[in-house]
């Protein structure tokens, strides 16, 4: 079994540096941290402090990795997961990946080096192949918010296509035909799936969403405002907005109101995620419920089952269902106001 000294020698640093990096102490360059984590991975180093726990297959740690814990959506991931870990008398480790593949891997390897075998990963950057490889190596790895067919029994997810199609069908049922879609520019599966779902609903209704009514942005409140500015400045015609998330939707509402356009009388707006912000928005925001906190709790339960019951075989996927939470930001289209946006 590899020792701390072996890791230090391979990484070209002192044993104290390795120990401090493992415990998140001190400040080191990204190159030094990368070398240490790479050495830990290659040597399969396990800290002595966790040897007893590992030998008994009882690792009292749950690691939660999200793109950005400061974002309301990922705060719910951490909150739900940590609460369930506590119920099982597990301690929680939390890390941000900042949507960077290297940071994501470093967080995983750091958790493993600390004896953590229960890892809940909300990955936006790693390939399906890499996630499959990691699942083979880490018994308690569970993928949250994403579906990978070959490790479907480790995935806790929603069907983004179906959920977004539901939102578009809801808008269509209210008579809206000229609809803008405010999507997310990040290269990940969720935005493309949600855009696909919206387009599918329109196609089934014998309609289409014009390309000039599809705006890509960075997913924040300010981006919702900028997207609406772009639509209005280009004199686009629309009576409803389907937003990638609630933050974009709230930004869109703020800009519409600033321009003197009433929501929902002139333009209806629907978001996605059903964050607490949807209830304090003015008007209150209609949104697609993404039960992420419940999913995070379930993911921790699943991970603990996988590590505490070594012979268990999970022969199912773990799909959660989305629904529309109707509030005040959507209404039936007023045919007399179809051109309201253009003349504002």
C-alpha atoms as a PDB file:
ATOM      1  CA  UNK A   1       0.000   0.000   0.000  1.00  0.00           C
ATOM      2  CA  UNK A   2       1.303   3.432  -0.941  1.00  0.00           C
ATOM      3  CA  UNK A   3       2.448   5.771   1.835  1.00  0.00           C
ATOM      4  CA  UNK A   4       2.327   9.530   2.244  1.00  0.00           C
ATOM      5  CA  UNK A   5       6.049   9.584   1.472  1.00  0.00           C
ATOM      6  CA  UNK A   6       5.443   7.691  -1.789  1.00  0.00           C
ATOM      7  CA  UNK A   7       2.933  10.340  -2.867  1.00  0.00           C
ATOM      8  CA  UNK A   8       5.314  13.145  -1.894  1.00  0.00           C
ATOM      9  CA  UNK A   9       8.197  11.566  -3.829  1.00  0.00           C
ATOM     10  CA  UNK A  10       6.107  11.051  -6.942  1.00  0.00           C
ATOM     11  CA  UNK A  11       4.695  14.584  -6.827  1.00  0.00           C
ATOM     12  CA  UNK A  12       8.081  16.130  -6.053  1.00  0.00           C
ATOM     13  CA  UNK A  13       6.918  17.835  -2.864  1.00  0.00           C
ATOM     14  CA  UNK A  14       7.244  17.363   0.889  1.00  0.00           C
ATOM     15  CA  UNK A  15       4.983  15.101   2.938  1.00  0.00           C
ATOM     16  CA  UNK A  16       3.667  18.165   4.786  1.00  0.00           C
ATOM     17  CA  UNK A  17       2.580  19.679   1.466  1.00  0.00           C
ATOM     18  CA  UNK A  18       0.684  16.501   0.574  1.00  0.00           C
ATOM     19  CA  UNK A  19      -0.978  16.448   4.001  1.00  0.00           C
ATOM     20  CA  UNK A  20      -1.984  20.118   3.832  1.00  0.00           C
ATOM     21  CA  UNK A  21      -3.486  19.711   0.351  1.00  0.00           C
ATOM     22  CA  UNK A  22      -5.436  16.653   1.488  1.00  0.00           C
ATOM     23  CA  UNK A  23      -6.914  18.612   4.371  1.00  0.00           C
ATOM     24  CA  UNK A  24      -7.568  21.772   2.380  1.00  0.00           C
ATOM     25  CA  UNK A  25      -5.042  23.844   4.313  1.00  0.00           C
ATOM     26  CA  UNK A  26      -2.553  26.356   2.963  1.00  0.00           C
ATOM     27  CA  UNK A  27      -2.308  27.927  -0.470  1.00  0.00           C
ATOM     28  CA  UNK A  28      -0.571  26.122  -3.318  1.00  0.00           C
ATOM     29  CA  UNK A  29      -0.376  26.690  -7.051  1.00  0.00           C
ATOM     30  CA  UNK A  30      -2.743  24.749  -9.280  1.00  0.00           C
ATOM     31  CA  UNK A  31       0.285  22.910 -10.745  1.00  0.00           C
ATOM     32  CA  UNK A  32       1.357  21.626  -7.304  1.00  0.00           C
ATOM     33  CA  UNK A  33      -2.197  20.566  -6.429  1.00  0.00           C
ATOM     34  CA  UNK A  34      -2.568  18.822  -9.777  1.00  0.00           C
ATOM     35  CA  UNK A  35       0.704  16.897  -9.273  1.00  0.00           C
ATOM     36  CA  UNK A  36      -0.337  15.772  -5.805  1.00  0.00           C
ATOM     37  CA  UNK A  37      -3.824  14.645  -6.874  1.00  0.00           C
ATOM     38  CA  UNK A  38      -2.356  12.858  -9.893  1.00  0.00           C
ATOM     39  CA  UNK A  39       0.131  11.027  -7.673  1.00  0.00           C
ATOM     40  CA  UNK A  40      -2.652  10.046  -5.271  1.00  0.00           C
ATOM     41  CA  UNK A  41      -4.685   8.688  -8.166  1.00  0.00           C
ATOM     42  CA  UNK A  42      -1.819   6.743  -9.768  1.00  0.00           C
ATOM     43  CA  UNK A  43      -0.668   5.240  -6.466  1.00  0.00           C
ATOM     44  CA  UNK A  44      -4.221   4.641  -5.190  1.00  0.00           C
ATOM     45  CA  UNK A  45      -3.139   6.193  -1.923  1.00  0.00           C
ATOM     46  CA  UNK A  46      -5.475   5.864   1.071  1.00  0.00           C
ATOM     47  CA  UNK A  47      -4.759   7.995   4.182  1.00  0.00           C
ATOM     48  CA  UNK A  48      -4.047   5.933   7.298  1.00  0.00           C
ATOM     49  CA  UNK A  49      -6.673   7.827   9.262  1.00  0.00           C
ATOM     50  CA  UNK A  50      -9.337   6.176   7.118  1.00  0.00           C
ATOM     51  CA  UNK A  51      -7.905   2.668   7.032  1.00  0.00           C
ATOM     52  CA  UNK A  52     -10.253   1.272   9.676  1.00  0.00           C
ATOM     53  CA  UNK A  53     -13.303   2.771   8.022  1.00  0.00           C
ATOM     54  CA  UNK A  54     -12.283   1.505   4.607  1.00  0.00           C
ATOM     55  CA  UNK A  55     -11.574  -1.977   5.932  1.00  0.00           C
ATOM     56  CA  UNK A  56     -15.053  -2.177   7.426  1.00  0.00           C
ATOM     57  CA  UNK A  57     -16.594  -0.690   4.258  1.00  0.00           C
ATOM     58  CA  UNK A  58     -18.152   2.012   6.453  1.00  0.00           C
ATOM     59  CA  UNK A  59     -16.991   5.363   5.133  1.00  0.00           C
ATOM     60  CA  UNK A  60     -18.700   8.059   7.172  1.00  0.00           C
ATOM     61  CA  UNK A  61     -18.281  10.738   4.507  1.00  0.00           C
ATOM     62  CA  UNK A  62     -20.505  11.942   1.680  1.00  0.00           C
ATOM     63  CA  UNK A  63     -18.902  14.183  -0.925  1.00  0.00           C
ATOM     64  CA  UNK A  64     -21.078  16.572  -2.936  1.00  0.00           C
ATOM     65  CA  UNK A  65     -19.611  18.229  -6.033  1.00  0.00           C
ATOM     66  CA  UNK A  66     -21.534  20.956  -7.861  1.00  0.00           C
ATOM     67  CA  UNK A  67     -20.591  23.594 -10.444  1.00  0.00           C
ATOM     68  CA  UNK A  68     -21.244  26.483  -8.048  1.00  0.00           C
ATOM     69  CA  UNK A  69     -22.597  26.084  -4.538  1.00  0.00           C
ATOM     70  CA  UNK A  70     -23.389  29.827  -4.397  1.00  0.00           C
ATOM     71  CA  UNK A  71     -26.113  29.459  -7.039  1.00  0.00           C
ATOM     72  CA  UNK A  72     -29.600  28.909  -5.539  1.00  0.00           C
ATOM     73  CA  UNK A  73     -30.146  25.707  -7.548  1.00  0.00           C
ATOM     74  CA  UNK A  74     -26.933  24.075  -6.316  1.00  0.00           C
ATOM     75  CA  UNK A  75     -27.507  25.325  -2.801  1.00  0.00           C
ATOM     76  CA  UNK A  76     -30.588  23.094  -2.832  1.00  0.00           C
ATOM     77  CA  UNK A  77     -28.420  20.181  -3.999  1.00  0.00           C
ATOM     78  CA  UNK A  78     -26.063  20.668  -1.059  1.00  0.00           C
ATOM     79  CA  UNK A  79     -28.868  21.259   1.444  1.00  0.00           C
ATOM     80  CA  UNK A  80     -30.801  18.125   0.539  1.00  0.00           C
ATOM     81  CA  UNK A  81     -27.729  15.918   0.341  1.00  0.00           C
ATOM     82  CA  UNK A  82     -26.200  17.158   3.588  1.00  0.00           C
ATOM     83  CA  UNK A  83     -29.470  16.697   5.480  1.00  0.00           C
ATOM     84  CA  UNK A  84     -29.772  13.076   4.381  1.00  0.00           C
ATOM     85  CA  UNK A  85     -26.081  12.391   5.105  1.00  0.00           C
ATOM     86  CA  UNK A  86     -26.624  13.722   8.612  1.00  0.00           C
ATOM     87  CA  UNK A  87     -29.609  11.433   9.116  1.00  0.00           C
ATOM     88  CA  UNK A  88     -27.287   8.501   8.395  1.00  0.00           C
ATOM     89  CA  UNK A  89     -24.574   9.955  10.677  1.00  0.00           C
ATOM     90  CA  UNK A  90     -22.304  10.742   7.743  1.00  0.00           C
ATOM     91  CA  UNK A  91     -20.276  13.929   7.533  1.00  0.00           C
ATOM     92  CA  UNK A  92     -20.407  16.011   4.356  1.00  0.00           C
ATOM     93  CA  UNK A  93     -17.646  17.270   2.085  1.00  0.00           C
ATOM     94  CA  UNK A  94     -18.589  19.922  -0.482  1.00  0.00           C
ATOM     95  CA  UNK A  95     -16.616  21.164  -3.496  1.00  0.00           C
ATOM     96  CA  UNK A  96     -17.175  23.431  -6.474  1.00  0.00           C
ATOM     97  CA  UNK A  97     -16.077  22.394  -9.957  1.00  0.00           C
ATOM     98  CA  UNK A  98     -16.699  25.840 -11.501  1.00  0.00           C
ATOM     99  CA  UNK A  99     -17.731  23.997 -14.664  1.00  0.00           C
ATOM    100  CA  UNK A 100     -14.122  22.960 -15.212  1.00  0.00           C
ATOM    101  CA  UNK A 101     -13.299  19.309 -15.970  1.00  0.00           C
ATOM    102  CA  UNK A 102      -9.913  19.413 -14.254  1.00  0.00           C
ATOM    103  CA  UNK A 103     -11.347  20.972 -11.100  1.00  0.00           C
ATOM    104  CA  UNK A 104     -14.117  18.382 -11.134  1.00  0.00           C
ATOM    105  CA  UNK A 105     -11.641  15.506 -11.294  1.00  0.00           C
ATOM    106  CA  UNK A 106      -9.406  17.066  -8.646  1.00  0.00           C
ATOM    107  CA  UNK A 107     -12.368  17.331  -6.298  1.00  0.00           C
ATOM    108  CA  UNK A 108     -13.223  13.662  -6.867  1.00  0.00           C
ATOM    109  CA  UNK A 109      -9.642  12.506  -6.286  1.00  0.00           C
ATOM    110  CA  UNK A 110      -9.345  14.696  -3.196  1.00  0.00           C
ATOM    111  CA  UNK A 111     -12.501  13.180  -1.710  1.00  0.00           C
ATOM    112  CA  UNK A 112     -11.305   9.647  -2.480  1.00  0.00           C
ATOM    113  CA  UNK A 113      -7.927  10.398  -0.908  1.00  0.00           C
ATOM    114  CA  UNK A 114      -9.737  11.383   2.283  1.00  0.00           C
ATOM    115  CA  UNK A 115     -11.497   8.034   2.373  1.00  0.00           C
ATOM    116  CA  UNK A 116     -14.759   9.228   0.869  1.00  0.00           C
ATOM    117  CA  UNK A 117     -16.505   6.540  -1.183  1.00  0.00           C
ATOM    118  CA  UNK A 118     -19.927   8.199  -1.321  1.00  0.00           C
ATOM    119  CA  UNK A 119     -19.774  10.920  -3.963  1.00  0.00           C
ATOM    120  CA  UNK A 120     -22.736  12.821  -5.428  1.00  0.00           C
ATOM    121  CA  UNK A 121     -21.589  14.450  -8.655  1.00  0.00           C
ATOM    122  CA  UNK A 122     -23.499  17.062 -10.641  1.00  0.00           C
ATOM    123  CA  UNK A 123     -21.245  17.045 -13.687  1.00  0.00           C
ATOM    124  CA  UNK A 124     -21.452  19.502 -16.560  1.00  0.00           C
ATOM    125  CA  UNK A 125     -18.042  18.905 -18.076  1.00  0.00           C
ATOM    126  CA  UNK A 126     -16.933  15.275 -17.922  1.00  0.00           C
ATOM    127  CA  UNK A 127     -17.669  12.971 -20.847  1.00  0.00           C
ATOM    128  CA  UNK A 128     -19.981   9.983 -20.539  1.00  0.00           C
ATOM    129  CA  UNK A 129     -16.940   7.728 -20.995  1.00  0.00           C
ATOM    130  CA  UNK A 130     -15.117   9.353 -18.080  1.00  0.00           C
ATOM    131  CA  UNK A 131     -18.159   9.087 -15.836  1.00  0.00           C
ATOM    132  CA  UNK A 132     -18.479   5.387 -16.700  1.00  0.00           C
ATOM    133  CA  UNK A 133     -14.804   4.881 -15.823  1.00  0.00           C
ATOM    134  CA  UNK A 134     -15.205   6.700 -12.501  1.00  0.00           C
ATOM    135  CA  UNK A 135     -18.314   4.660 -11.648  1.00  0.00           C
ATOM    136  CA  UNK A 136     -16.263   1.479 -12.041  1.00  0.00           C
ATOM    137  CA  UNK A 137     -13.632   2.832  -9.655  1.00  0.00           C
ATOM    138  CA  UNK A 138     -15.886   4.402  -7.000  1.00  0.00           C
ATOM    139  CA  UNK A 139     -18.561   2.132  -5.582  1.00  0.00           C
ATOM    140  CA  UNK A 140     -20.682   4.940  -4.182  1.00  0.00           C
ATOM    141  CA  UNK A 141     -20.503   7.403  -7.076  1.00  0.00           C
ATOM    142  CA  UNK A 142     -23.951   8.702  -8.088  1.00  0.00           C
ATOM    143  CA  UNK A 143     -24.511  11.084 -11.007  1.00  0.00           C
ATOM    144  CA  UNK A 144     -27.093  13.766 -10.282  1.00  0.00           C
ATOM    145  CA  UNK A 145     -29.119  15.611 -12.931  1.00  0.00           C
ATOM    146  CA  UNK A 146     -27.741  13.666 -15.887  1.00  0.00           C
ATOM    147  CA  UNK A 147     -28.477  10.378 -17.631  1.00  0.00           C
ATOM    148  CA  UNK A 148     -25.693   8.103 -18.887  1.00  0.00           C
ATOM    149  CA  UNK A 149     -27.139   4.936 -20.378  1.00  0.00           C
ATOM    150  CA  UNK A 150     -24.330   2.520 -19.434  1.00  0.00           C
ATOM    151  CA  UNK A 151     -24.513   3.523 -15.782  1.00  0.00           C
ATOM    152  CA  UNK A 152     -28.240   4.292 -15.676  1.00  0.00           C
ATOM    153  CA  UNK A 153     -28.490   2.598 -12.274  1.00  0.00           C
ATOM    154  CA  UNK A 154     -26.188   5.322 -10.883  1.00  0.00           C
ATOM    155  CA  UNK A 155     -28.073   8.266 -12.428  1.00  0.00           C
ATOM    156  CA  UNK A 156     -30.691  10.362 -10.617  1.00  0.00           C
ATOM    157  CA  UNK A 157     -32.207  12.586 -13.284  1.00  0.00           C
ATOM    158  CA  UNK A 158     -35.158  14.263 -14.970  1.00  0.00           C
ATOM    159  CA  UNK A 159     -36.091  14.068 -18.641  1.00  0.00           C
ATOM    160  CA  UNK A 160     -35.202  17.597 -19.778  1.00  0.00           C
ATOM    161  CA  UNK A 161     -36.765  17.103 -23.213  1.00  0.00           C
ATOM    162  CA  UNK A 162     -40.076  16.010 -21.737  1.00  0.00           C
ATOM    163  CA  UNK A 163     -40.034  18.717 -19.048  1.00  0.00           C
ATOM    164  CA  UNK A 164     -39.358  21.507 -21.536  1.00  0.00           C
ATOM    165  CA  UNK A 165     -41.947  20.083 -23.930  1.00  0.00           C
ATOM    166  CA  UNK A 166     -44.421  20.276 -21.058  1.00  0.00           C
ATOM    167  CA  UNK A 167     -43.616  23.979 -20.591  1.00  0.00           C
ATOM    168  CA  UNK A 168     -44.039  24.715 -24.298  1.00  0.00           C
ATOM    169  CA  UNK A 169     -47.316  22.781 -24.463  1.00  0.00           C
ATOM    170  CA  UNK A 170     -48.576  24.798 -21.499  1.00  0.00           C
ATOM    171  CA  UNK A 171     -47.773  28.055 -23.323  1.00  0.00           C
ATOM    172  CA  UNK A 172     -49.354  26.777 -26.536  1.00  0.00           C
ATOM    173  CA  UNK A 173     -52.521  25.783 -24.681  1.00  0.00           C
ATOM    174  CA  UNK A 174     -52.847  29.408 -23.623  1.00  0.00           C
ATOM    175  CA  UNK A 175     -52.976  30.410 -27.271  1.00  0.00           C
ATOM    176  CA  UNK A 176     -49.430  31.740 -27.666  1.00  0.00           C
ATOM    177  CA  UNK A 177     -47.881  31.083 -31.068  1.00  0.00           C
ATOM    178  CA  UNK A 178     -45.172  33.738 -31.222  1.00  0.00           C
ATOM    179  CA  UNK A 179     -42.851  32.585 -28.470  1.00  0.00           C
ATOM    180  CA  UNK A 180     -39.265  33.548 -27.648  1.00  0.00           C
ATOM    181  CA  UNK A 181     -36.908  31.013 -26.051  1.00  0.00           C
ATOM    182  CA  UNK A 182     -34.121  32.277 -23.802  1.00  0.00           C
ATOM    183  CA  UNK A 183     -31.627  29.414 -23.669  1.00  0.00           C
ATOM    184  CA  UNK A 184     -28.253  28.824 -22.022  1.00  0.00           C
ATOM    185  CA  UNK A 185     -25.016  29.111 -23.982  1.00  0.00           C
ATOM    186  CA  UNK A 186     -22.999  26.565 -21.977  1.00  0.00           C
ATOM    187  CA  UNK A 187     -21.956  23.451 -23.916  1.00  0.00           C
ATOM    188  CA  UNK A 188     -23.777  20.882 -21.798  1.00  0.00           C
ATOM    189  CA  UNK A 189     -26.675  18.548 -22.353  1.00  0.00           C
ATOM    190  CA  UNK A 190     -29.449  20.360 -20.424  1.00  0.00           C
ATOM    191  CA  UNK A 191     -29.812  23.474 -22.651  1.00  0.00           C
ATOM    192  CA  UNK A 192     -29.858  21.544 -25.904  1.00  0.00           C
ATOM    193  CA  UNK A 193     -32.345  19.039 -24.481  1.00  0.00           C
ATOM    194  CA  UNK A 194     -34.668  21.768 -23.234  1.00  0.00           C
ATOM    195  CA  UNK A 195     -34.506  23.598 -26.558  1.00  0.00           C
ATOM    196  CA  UNK A 196     -35.268  20.308 -28.313  1.00  0.00           C
ATOM    197  CA  UNK A 197     -38.306  19.776 -26.071  1.00  0.00           C
ATOM    198  CA  UNK A 198     -39.713  23.229 -26.839  1.00  0.00           C
ATOM    199  CA  UNK A 199     -39.178  22.798 -30.583  1.00  0.00           C
ATOM    200  CA  UNK A 200     -40.823  19.367 -30.481  1.00  0.00           C
ATOM    201  CA  UNK A 201     -43.966  20.754 -28.844  1.00  0.00           C
ATOM    202  CA  UNK A 202     -44.242  23.443 -31.515  1.00  0.00           C
ATOM    203  CA  UNK A 203     -43.606  20.968 -34.313  1.00  0.00           C
ATOM    204  CA  UNK A 204     -46.395  18.712 -33.044  1.00  0.00           C
ATOM    205  CA  UNK A 205     -48.679  21.778 -33.071  1.00  0.00           C
ATOM    206  CA  UNK A 206     -47.764  22.482 -36.697  1.00  0.00           C
ATOM    207  CA  UNK A 207     -45.656  25.496 -35.719  1.00  0.00           C
ATOM    208  CA  UNK A 208     -42.001  26.393 -35.349  1.00  0.00           C
ATOM    209  CA  UNK A 209     -39.865  28.695 -33.254  1.00  0.00           C
ATOM    210  CA  UNK A 210     -38.012  31.128 -35.559  1.00  0.00           C
ATOM    211  CA  UNK A 211     -34.260  31.234 -35.035  1.00  0.00           C
ATOM    212  CA  UNK A 212     -34.368  34.979 -34.372  1.00  0.00           C
ATOM    213  CA  UNK A 213     -36.574  34.292 -31.337  1.00  0.00           C
ATOM    214  CA  UNK A 214     -33.985  31.929 -29.782  1.00  0.00           C
ATOM    215  CA  UNK A 215     -31.467  33.842 -27.676  1.00  0.00           C
ATOM    216  CA  UNK A 216     -28.480  32.207 -25.944  1.00  0.00           C
ATOM    217  CA  UNK A 217     -27.016  33.695 -22.770  1.00  0.00           C
ATOM    218  CA  UNK A 218     -25.078  32.848 -19.600  1.00  0.00           C
ATOM    219  CA  UNK A 219     -27.979  31.906 -17.392  1.00  0.00           C
ATOM    220  CA  UNK A 220     -28.118  34.778 -14.878  1.00  0.00           C
ATOM    221  CA  UNK A 221     -30.693  37.473 -14.075  1.00  0.00           C
ATOM    222  CA  UNK A 222     -28.706  40.101 -15.979  1.00  0.00           C
ATOM    223  CA  UNK A 223     -28.636  37.824 -19.017  1.00  0.00           C
ATOM    224  CA  UNK A 224     -32.425  37.605 -19.013  1.00  0.00           C
ATOM    225  CA  UNK A 225     -32.589  41.388 -19.146  1.00  0.00           C
ATOM    226  CA  UNK A 226     -30.021  41.581 -21.947  1.00  0.00           C
ATOM    227  CA  UNK A 227     -31.820  38.922 -23.962  1.00  0.00           C
ATOM    228  CA  UNK A 228     -35.102  40.831 -23.810  1.00  0.00           C
ATOM    229  CA  UNK A 229     -33.286  44.030 -24.737  1.00  0.00           C
ATOM    230  CA  UNK A 230     -31.970  42.276 -27.824  1.00  0.00           C
ATOM    231  CA  UNK A 231     -35.414  41.012 -28.799  1.00  0.00           C
ATOM    232  CA  UNK A 232     -37.056  44.394 -28.351  1.00  0.00           C
ATOM    233  CA  UNK A 233     -34.287  46.324 -30.063  1.00  0.00           C
ATOM    234  CA  UNK A 234     -34.678  43.973 -33.039  1.00  0.00           C
ATOM    235  CA  UNK A 235     -38.459  44.630 -32.972  1.00  0.00           C
ATOM    236  CA  UNK A 236     -39.192  40.923 -32.562  1.00  0.00           C
ATOM    237  CA  UNK A 237     -42.834  39.872 -32.226  1.00  0.00           C
ATOM    238  CA  UNK A 238     -43.640  37.577 -29.307  1.00  0.00           C
ATOM    239  CA  UNK A 239     -46.360  37.175 -26.704  1.00  0.00           C
ATOM    240  CA  UNK A 240     -44.593  34.672 -24.454  1.00  0.00           C
ATOM    241  CA  UNK A 241     -41.107  33.739 -23.226  1.00  0.00           C
ATOM    242  CA  UNK A 242     -39.874  30.277 -22.285  1.00  0.00           C
ATOM    243  CA  UNK A 243     -36.701  30.653 -20.183  1.00  0.00           C
ATOM    244  CA  UNK A 244     -34.008  28.050 -19.535  1.00  0.00           C
ATOM    245  CA  UNK A 245     -34.144  28.766 -15.804  1.00  0.00           C
ATOM    246  CA  UNK A 246     -35.859  30.978 -13.250  1.00  0.00           C
ATOM    247  CA  UNK A 247     -32.964  33.440 -13.065  1.00  0.00           C
ATOM    248  CA  UNK A 248     -33.227  34.209 -16.775  1.00  0.00           C
ATOM    249  CA  UNK A 249     -37.026  34.428 -16.493  1.00  0.00           C
ATOM    250  CA  UNK A 250     -36.859  36.921 -13.609  1.00  0.00           C
ATOM    251  CA  UNK A 251     -34.365  39.048 -15.532  1.00  0.00           C
ATOM    252  CA  UNK A 252     -36.665  38.970 -18.549  1.00  0.00           C
ATOM    253  CA  UNK A 253     -39.629  40.133 -16.462  1.00  0.00           C
ATOM    254  CA  UNK A 254     -37.595  42.998 -15.000  1.00  0.00           C
ATOM    255  CA  UNK A 255     -36.677  44.261 -18.463  1.00  0.00           C
ATOM    256  CA  UNK A 256     -40.193  43.884 -19.837  1.00  0.00           C
ATOM    257  CA  UNK A 257     -41.628  45.880 -16.948  1.00  0.00           C
ATOM    258  CA  UNK A 258     -38.904  48.501 -17.338  1.00  0.00           C
ATOM    259  CA  UNK A 259     -39.989  48.933 -20.977  1.00  0.00           C
ATOM    260  CA  UNK A 260     -43.618  49.394 -19.959  1.00  0.00           C
ATOM    261  CA  UNK A 261     -44.686  45.911 -21.078  1.00  0.00           C
ATOM    262  CA  UNK A 262     -47.085  44.207 -18.669  1.00  0.00           C
ATOM    263  CA  UNK A 263     -46.553  40.626 -17.487  1.00  0.00           C
ATOM    264  CA  UNK A 264     -48.656  38.590 -18.138  1.00  0.00           C
ATOM    265  CA  UNK A 265     -51.163  40.894 -19.861  1.00  0.00           C
ATOM    266  CA  UNK A 266     -48.816  41.684 -22.765  1.00  0.00           C
ATOM    267  CA  UNK A 267     -46.213  38.925 -22.476  1.00  0.00           C
ATOM    268  CA  UNK A 268     -46.339  35.667 -20.521  1.00  0.00           C
ATOM    269  CA  UNK A 269     -43.129  34.287 -18.975  1.00  0.00           C
ATOM    270  CA  UNK A 270     -42.378  30.760 -17.746  1.00  0.00           C
ATOM    271  CA  UNK A 271     -39.182  29.684 -15.999  1.00  0.00           C
ATOM    272  CA  UNK A 272     -37.585  26.383 -15.068  1.00  0.00           C
ATOM    273  CA  UNK A 273     -36.404  24.992 -11.675  1.00  0.00           C
ATOM    274  CA  UNK A 274     -39.113  26.424  -9.380  1.00  0.00           C
ATOM    275  CA  UNK A 275     -36.601  28.142  -7.098  1.00  0.00           C
ATOM    276  CA  UNK A 276     -37.816  30.030  -4.019  1.00  0.00           C
ATOM    277  CA  UNK A 277     -37.164  33.177  -6.075  1.00  0.00           C
ATOM    278  CA  UNK A 278     -40.157  32.292  -8.248  1.00  0.00           C
ATOM    279  CA  UNK A 279     -42.481  32.955  -5.307  1.00  0.00           C
ATOM    280  CA  UNK A 280     -41.013  36.369  -4.481  1.00  0.00           C
ATOM    281  CA  UNK A 281     -40.793  37.581  -8.068  1.00  0.00           C
ATOM    282  CA  UNK A 282     -43.236  40.310  -9.181  1.00  0.00           C
ATOM    283  CA  UNK A 283     -45.417  38.918 -10.594  1.00  0.00           C
ATOM    284  CA  UNK A 284     -44.887  35.495  -9.053  1.00  0.00           C
ATOM    285  CA  UNK A 285     -43.246  33.282 -11.657  1.00  0.00           C
ATOM    286  CA  UNK A 286     -44.836  30.257 -13.306  1.00  0.00           C
ATOM    287  CA  UNK A 287     -42.116  27.606 -13.469  1.00  0.00           C
ATOM    288  CA  UNK A 288     -41.330  23.977 -14.262  1.00  0.00           C
ATOM    289  CA  UNK A 289     -40.682  22.231 -10.958  1.00  0.00           C
ATOM    290  CA  UNK A 290     -37.260  20.541 -10.864  1.00  0.00           C
ATOM    291  CA  UNK A 291     -37.306  18.527  -7.617  1.00  0.00           C
ATOM    292  CA  UNK A 292     -33.540  18.798  -7.188  1.00  0.00           C
ATOM    293  CA  UNK A 293     -33.492  18.808  -3.374  1.00  0.00           C
ATOM    294  CA  UNK A 294     -35.564  15.637  -3.273  1.00  0.00           C
ATOM    295  CA  UNK A 295     -33.310  14.158  -5.956  1.00  0.00           C
ATOM    296  CA  UNK A 296     -30.187  15.036  -3.955  1.00  0.00           C
ATOM    297  CA  UNK A 297     -31.621  13.319  -0.888  1.00  0.00           C
ATOM    298  CA  UNK A 298     -32.413  10.249  -2.961  1.00  0.00           C
ATOM    299  CA  UNK A 299     -28.906  10.274  -4.493  1.00  0.00           C
ATOM    300  CA  UNK A 300     -27.304  10.156  -1.035  1.00  0.00           C
ATOM    301  CA  UNK A 301     -29.585   7.296   0.011  1.00  0.00           C
ATOM    302  CA  UNK A 302     -28.642   5.415  -3.161  1.00  0.00           C
ATOM    303  CA  UNK A 303     -24.927   6.029  -2.668  1.00  0.00           C
ATOM    304  CA  UNK A 304     -25.033   4.770   0.918  1.00  0.00           C
ATOM    305  CA  UNK A 305     -26.900   1.639  -0.188  1.00  0.00           C
ATOM    306  CA  UNK A 306     -24.199   0.968  -2.764  1.00  0.00           C
ATOM    307  CA  UNK A 307     -21.372   1.160  -0.214  1.00  0.00           C
ATOM    308  CA  UNK A 308     -23.068  -0.369   2.819  1.00  0.00           C
ATOM    309  CA  UNK A 309     -24.483  -3.308   0.879  1.00  0.00           C
ATOM    310  CA  UNK A 310     -21.508  -4.511  -1.212  1.00  0.00           C
ATOM    311  CA  UNK A 311     -23.442  -7.284  -2.964  1.00  0.00           C
ATOM    312  CA  UNK A 312     -26.402  -5.146  -3.937  1.00  0.00           C
ATOM    313  CA  UNK A 313     -27.345  -4.917  -7.621  1.00  0.00           C
ATOM    314  CA  UNK A 314     -29.423  -1.896  -8.588  1.00  0.00           C
ATOM    315  CA  UNK A 315     -31.402  -2.919 -11.655  1.00  0.00           C
ATOM    316  CA  UNK A 316     -33.263   0.310 -12.282  1.00  0.00           C
ATOM    317  CA  UNK A 317     -32.797   3.895 -13.354  1.00  0.00           C
ATOM    318  CA  UNK A 318     -33.895   6.759 -11.119  1.00  0.00           C
ATOM    319  CA  UNK A 319     -36.096   9.166 -13.063  1.00  0.00           C
ATOM    320  CA  UNK A 320     -37.903  12.025 -11.307  1.00  0.00           C
ATOM    321  CA  UNK A 321     -40.952  13.758 -12.757  1.00  0.00           C
ATOM    322  CA  UNK A 322     -41.351  17.475 -13.495  1.00  0.00           C
ATOM    323  CA  UNK A 323     -44.585  19.453 -13.356  1.00  0.00           C
ATOM    324  CA  UNK A 324     -45.841  22.990 -14.022  1.00  0.00           C
ATOM    325  CA  UNK A 325     -46.266  25.242 -10.992  1.00  0.00           C
ATOM    326  CA  UNK A 326     -48.680  27.899 -12.220  1.00  0.00           C
ATOM    327  CA  UNK A 327     -48.423  31.376 -10.749  1.00  0.00           C
ATOM    328  CA  UNK A 328     -49.089  34.897 -12.011  1.00  0.00           C
ATOM    329  CA  UNK A 329     -46.604  35.395 -14.863  1.00  0.00           C
ATOM    330  CA  UNK A 330     -48.612  33.528 -17.511  1.00  0.00           C
ATOM    331  CA  UNK A 331     -52.053  34.099 -19.006  1.00  0.00           C
ATOM    332  CA  UNK A 332     -54.117  33.339 -22.095  1.00  0.00           C
ATOM    333  CA  UNK A 333     -52.938  35.326 -25.074  1.00  0.00           C
ATOM    334  CA  UNK A 334     -54.782  38.574 -25.774  1.00  0.00           C
ATOM    335  CA  UNK A 335     -55.134  38.612 -29.553  1.00  0.00           C
ATOM    336  CA  UNK A 336     -55.450  42.397 -29.514  1.00  0.00           C
ATOM    337  CA  UNK A 337     -51.969  42.669 -27.999  1.00  0.00           C
ATOM    338  CA  UNK A 338     -49.950  40.433 -30.351  1.00  0.00           C
ATOM    339  CA  UNK A 339     -48.066  43.439 -31.634  1.00  0.00           C
ATOM    340  CA  UNK A 340     -47.748  45.165 -28.258  1.00  0.00           C
ATOM    341  CA  UNK A 341     -44.054  44.413 -28.023  1.00  0.00           C
ATOM    342  CA  UNK A 342     -43.349  45.847 -31.436  1.00  0.00           C
ATOM    343  CA  UNK A 343     -45.054  49.156 -30.735  1.00  0.00           C
ATOM    344  CA  UNK A 344     -43.643  49.617 -27.238  1.00  0.00           C
END
